[in-house]
Amino acid sequence: MPYVIAEPCIDVMDRSCVDECPVDCIYEGARKLYISPVECIDCGACEPVCPVEAITQDRAVDPEFEAHVEDNARFFTDVLPGRAEPVGDPGGAMSVGAIGADTELVATHEPQG
């Protein structure tokens, strides 16, 4: 998984990264954005535009946010609350729209601000 979005995105979801992503691989949960590990081409366009510095390469994630590396992948592989099947690899976030659900790590996170 080249890039991941970590905790600073929770309850912020600025979406500047979505506008910069050339392959439409950033999906919207209820409280946070997630990068598809299969669709991401590791270009890095999303990282510098994130105003809360939530995006990094998976191998450079701040130790306090390491849980978000696997959690980002679980968004696509696990069945999320209110859904009948995993998000999977739909081939672009615009084709599915906002997912409206989050992983357990994000859903149970204390509200920001």
C-alpha atoms as a PDB file:
ATOM      1  CA  MET A   1       0.000   0.000   0.000  1.00  0.00           C
ATOM      2  CA  PRO A   2       1.847   3.103  -1.155  1.00  0.00           C
ATOM      3  CA  TYR A   3      -0.011   5.899   0.673  1.00  0.00           C
ATOM      4  CA  VAL A   4      -2.335   5.903   3.661  1.00  0.00           C
ATOM      5  CA  ILE A   5      -4.521   8.451   5.377  1.00  0.00           C
ATOM      6  CA  ALA A   6      -4.174   8.503   9.161  1.00  0.00           C
ATOM      7  CA  GLU A   7      -5.969   9.856  12.209  1.00  0.00           C
ATOM      8  CA  PRO A   8      -5.593  13.613  11.516  1.00  0.00           C
ATOM      9  CA  CYS A   9      -8.188  13.218   8.721  1.00  0.00           C
ATOM     10  CA  ILE A  10     -10.903  11.970  11.085  1.00  0.00           C
ATOM     11  CA  ASP A  11     -13.762  14.484  11.229  1.00  0.00           C
ATOM     12  CA  VAL A  12     -11.867  16.859   8.902  1.00  0.00           C
ATOM     13  CA  MET A  13     -12.029  15.312   5.398  1.00  0.00           C
ATOM     14  CA  ASP A  14     -10.806  18.419   3.564  1.00  0.00           C
ATOM     15  CA  ARG A  15     -10.911  16.493   0.231  1.00  0.00           C
ATOM     16  CA  SER A  16      -8.068  18.485  -1.392  1.00  0.00           C
ATOM     17  CA  CYS A  17      -6.365  15.133  -1.896  1.00  0.00           C
ATOM     18  CA  VAL A  18      -9.368  13.824  -3.830  1.00  0.00           C
ATOM     19  CA  ASP A  19      -9.048  16.702  -6.304  1.00  0.00           C
ATOM     20  CA  GLU A  20      -5.322  15.996  -6.817  1.00  0.00           C
ATOM     21  CA  CYS A  21      -5.505  12.217  -7.217  1.00  0.00           C
ATOM     22  CA  PRO A  22      -5.016  11.346 -10.909  1.00  0.00           C
ATOM     23  CA  VAL A  23      -6.479   7.830 -10.550  1.00  0.00           C
ATOM     24  CA  ASP A  24      -9.511   8.538  -8.310  1.00  0.00           C
ATOM     25  CA  CYS A  25      -8.383   6.107  -5.588  1.00  0.00           C
ATOM     26  CA  ILE A  26      -9.411   8.098  -2.498  1.00  0.00           C
ATOM     27  CA  TYR A  27     -12.729   6.941  -1.069  1.00  0.00           C
ATOM     28  CA  GLU A  28     -14.981   8.722   1.401  1.00  0.00           C
ATOM     29  CA  GLY A  29     -16.120   7.030   4.590  1.00  0.00           C
ATOM     30  CA  ALA A  30     -18.423   8.667   7.122  1.00  0.00           C
ATOM     31  CA  ARG A  31     -15.666  10.399   9.111  1.00  0.00           C
ATOM     32  CA  LYS A  32     -12.440   9.843   7.163  1.00  0.00           C
ATOM     33  CA  LEU A  33     -11.006   9.328   3.685  1.00  0.00           C
ATOM     34  CA  TYR A  34      -9.249   6.104   2.645  1.00  0.00           C
ATOM     35  CA  ILE A  35      -6.764   5.341  -0.161  1.00  0.00           C
ATOM     36  CA  SER A  36      -7.259   2.123  -2.115  1.00  0.00           C
ATOM     37  CA  PRO A  37      -4.050   0.096  -1.804  1.00  0.00           C
ATOM     38  CA  VAL A  38      -4.777  -1.602  -5.131  1.00  0.00           C
ATOM     39  CA  GLU A  39      -5.674   1.490  -7.149  1.00  0.00           C
ATOM     40  CA  CYS A  40      -3.029   3.902  -5.778  1.00  0.00           C
ATOM     41  CA  ILE A  41      -0.130   4.373  -8.203  1.00  0.00           C
ATOM     42  CA  ASP A  42       2.218   5.821  -5.569  1.00  0.00           C
ATOM     43  CA  CYS A  43       2.483   9.189  -7.327  1.00  0.00           C
ATOM     44  CA  GLY A  44       2.365  11.250  -4.120  1.00  0.00           C
ATOM     45  CA  ALA A  45       0.150  14.016  -5.518  1.00  0.00           C
ATOM     46  CA  CYS A  46      -2.187  13.764  -2.538  1.00  0.00           C
ATOM     47  CA  GLU A  47       0.392  14.162   0.214  1.00  0.00           C
ATOM     48  CA  PRO A  48       1.446  17.828  -0.139  1.00  0.00           C
ATOM     49  CA  VAL A  49      -2.126  19.152  -0.468  1.00  0.00           C
ATOM     50  CA  CYS A  50      -3.426  17.640   2.784  1.00  0.00           C
ATOM     51  CA  PRO A  51      -3.866  20.574   5.184  1.00  0.00           C
ATOM     52  CA  VAL A  52      -3.683  18.336   8.278  1.00  0.00           C
ATOM     53  CA  GLU A  53      -0.721  16.247   7.055  1.00  0.00           C
ATOM     54  CA  ALA A  54      -2.690  13.006   7.391  1.00  0.00           C
ATOM     55  CA  ILE A  55      -1.251  11.384   4.244  1.00  0.00           C
ATOM     56  CA  THR A  56       2.087   9.568   4.114  1.00  0.00           C
ATOM     57  CA  GLN A  57       3.683   6.584   2.467  1.00  0.00           C
ATOM     58  CA  ASP A  58       2.865   3.405   4.366  1.00  0.00           C
ATOM     59  CA  ARG A  59       6.506   2.851   5.283  1.00  0.00           C
ATOM     60  CA  ALA A  60       6.863   6.407   6.641  1.00  0.00           C
ATOM     61  CA  VAL A  61       3.786   6.591   8.871  1.00  0.00           C
ATOM     62  CA  ASP A  62       4.357   8.231  12.231  1.00  0.00           C
ATOM     63  CA  PRO A  63       4.579   5.459  14.872  1.00  0.00           C
ATOM     64  CA  GLU A  64       1.521   6.808  16.691  1.00  0.00           C
ATOM     65  CA  PHE A  65      -0.551   6.254  13.524  1.00  0.00           C
ATOM     66  CA  GLU A  66       0.770   2.810  12.488  1.00  0.00           C
ATOM     67  CA  ALA A  67      -2.614   1.181  13.138  1.00  0.00           C
ATOM     68  CA  HIS A  68      -3.974   3.187  10.213  1.00  0.00           C
ATOM     69  CA  VAL A  69      -1.798   1.333   7.693  1.00  0.00           C
ATOM     70  CA  GLU A  70      -3.710  -1.935   8.130  1.00  0.00           C
ATOM     71  CA  ASP A  71      -6.934  -0.110   8.907  1.00  0.00           C
ATOM     72  CA  ASN A  72      -6.804   1.697   5.564  1.00  0.00           C
ATOM     73  CA  ALA A  73      -6.653  -1.691   3.803  1.00  0.00           C
ATOM     74  CA  ARG A  74      -9.498  -3.081   5.955  1.00  0.00           C
ATOM     75  CA  PHE A  75     -11.792  -0.354   4.621  1.00  0.00           C
ATOM     76  CA  PHE A  76     -11.668  -2.160   1.280  1.00  0.00           C
ATOM     77  CA  THR A  77     -11.548  -5.798   2.447  1.00  0.00           C
ATOM     78  CA  ASP A  78     -13.915  -5.950   5.442  1.00  0.00           C
ATOM     79  CA  VAL A  79     -17.691  -5.666   5.359  1.00  0.00           C
ATOM     80  CA  LEU A  80     -18.386  -2.231   6.825  1.00  0.00           C
ATOM     81  CA  PRO A  81     -21.442  -1.443   8.974  1.00  0.00           C
ATOM     82  CA  GLY A  82     -24.587  -1.081   6.882  1.00  0.00           C
ATOM     83  CA  ARG A  83     -23.059  -2.777   3.828  1.00  0.00           C
ATOM     84  CA  ALA A  84     -23.671  -6.284   2.494  1.00  0.00           C
ATOM     85  CA  GLU A  85     -20.201  -6.748   1.017  1.00  0.00           C
ATOM     86  CA  PRO A  86     -16.723  -5.208   1.136  1.00  0.00           C
ATOM     87  CA  VAL A  87     -15.978  -2.084  -0.910  1.00  0.00           C
ATOM     88  CA  GLY A  88     -13.344  -4.110  -2.784  1.00  0.00           C
ATOM     89  CA  ASP A  89     -11.669  -2.539  -5.803  1.00  0.00           C
ATOM     90  CA  PRO A  90     -14.428  -0.765  -7.739  1.00  0.00           C
ATOM     91  CA  GLY A  91     -12.024   1.071 -10.050  1.00  0.00           C
ATOM     92  CA  GLY A  92     -12.571   4.612  -8.868  1.00  0.00           C
ATOM     93  CA  ALA A  93     -14.230   6.477  -6.034  1.00  0.00           C
ATOM     94  CA  MET A  94     -16.435   8.553  -8.316  1.00  0.00           C
ATOM     95  CA  SER A  95     -18.111   5.400  -9.609  1.00  0.00           C
ATOM     96  CA  VAL A  96     -19.386   4.488  -6.120  1.00  0.00           C
ATOM     97  CA  GLY A  97     -19.716   7.864  -4.392  1.00  0.00           C
ATOM     98  CA  ALA A  98     -19.473   8.333  -0.645  1.00  0.00           C
ATOM     99  CA  ILE A  99     -19.421   5.019   1.198  1.00  0.00           C
ATOM    100  CA  GLY A 100     -20.877   6.550   4.369  1.00  0.00           C
ATOM    101  CA  ALA A 101     -19.299   3.986   6.719  1.00  0.00           C
ATOM    102  CA  ASP A 102     -15.961   3.604   8.434  1.00  0.00           C
ATOM    103  CA  THR A 103     -13.781   0.881   9.856  1.00  0.00           C
ATOM    104  CA  GLU A 104     -14.175   0.102  13.543  1.00  0.00           C
ATOM    105  CA  LEU A 105     -10.953   1.994  14.379  1.00  0.00           C
ATOM    106  CA  VAL A 106     -12.341   5.199  12.892  1.00  0.00           C
ATOM    107  CA  ALA A 107     -15.993   4.728  13.872  1.00  0.00           C
ATOM    108  CA  THR A 108     -15.084   4.313  17.543  1.00  0.00           C
ATOM    109  CA  HIS A 109     -12.498   7.108  17.572  1.00  0.00           C
ATOM    110  CA  GLU A 110     -13.279   9.951  19.963  1.00  0.00           C
ATOM    111  CA  PRO A 111     -14.761  12.877  17.964  1.00  0.00           C
ATOM    112  CA  GLN A 112     -12.212  15.535  16.933  1.00  0.00           C
ATOM    113  CA  GLY A 113     -12.611  19.143  17.927  1.00  0.00           C
END
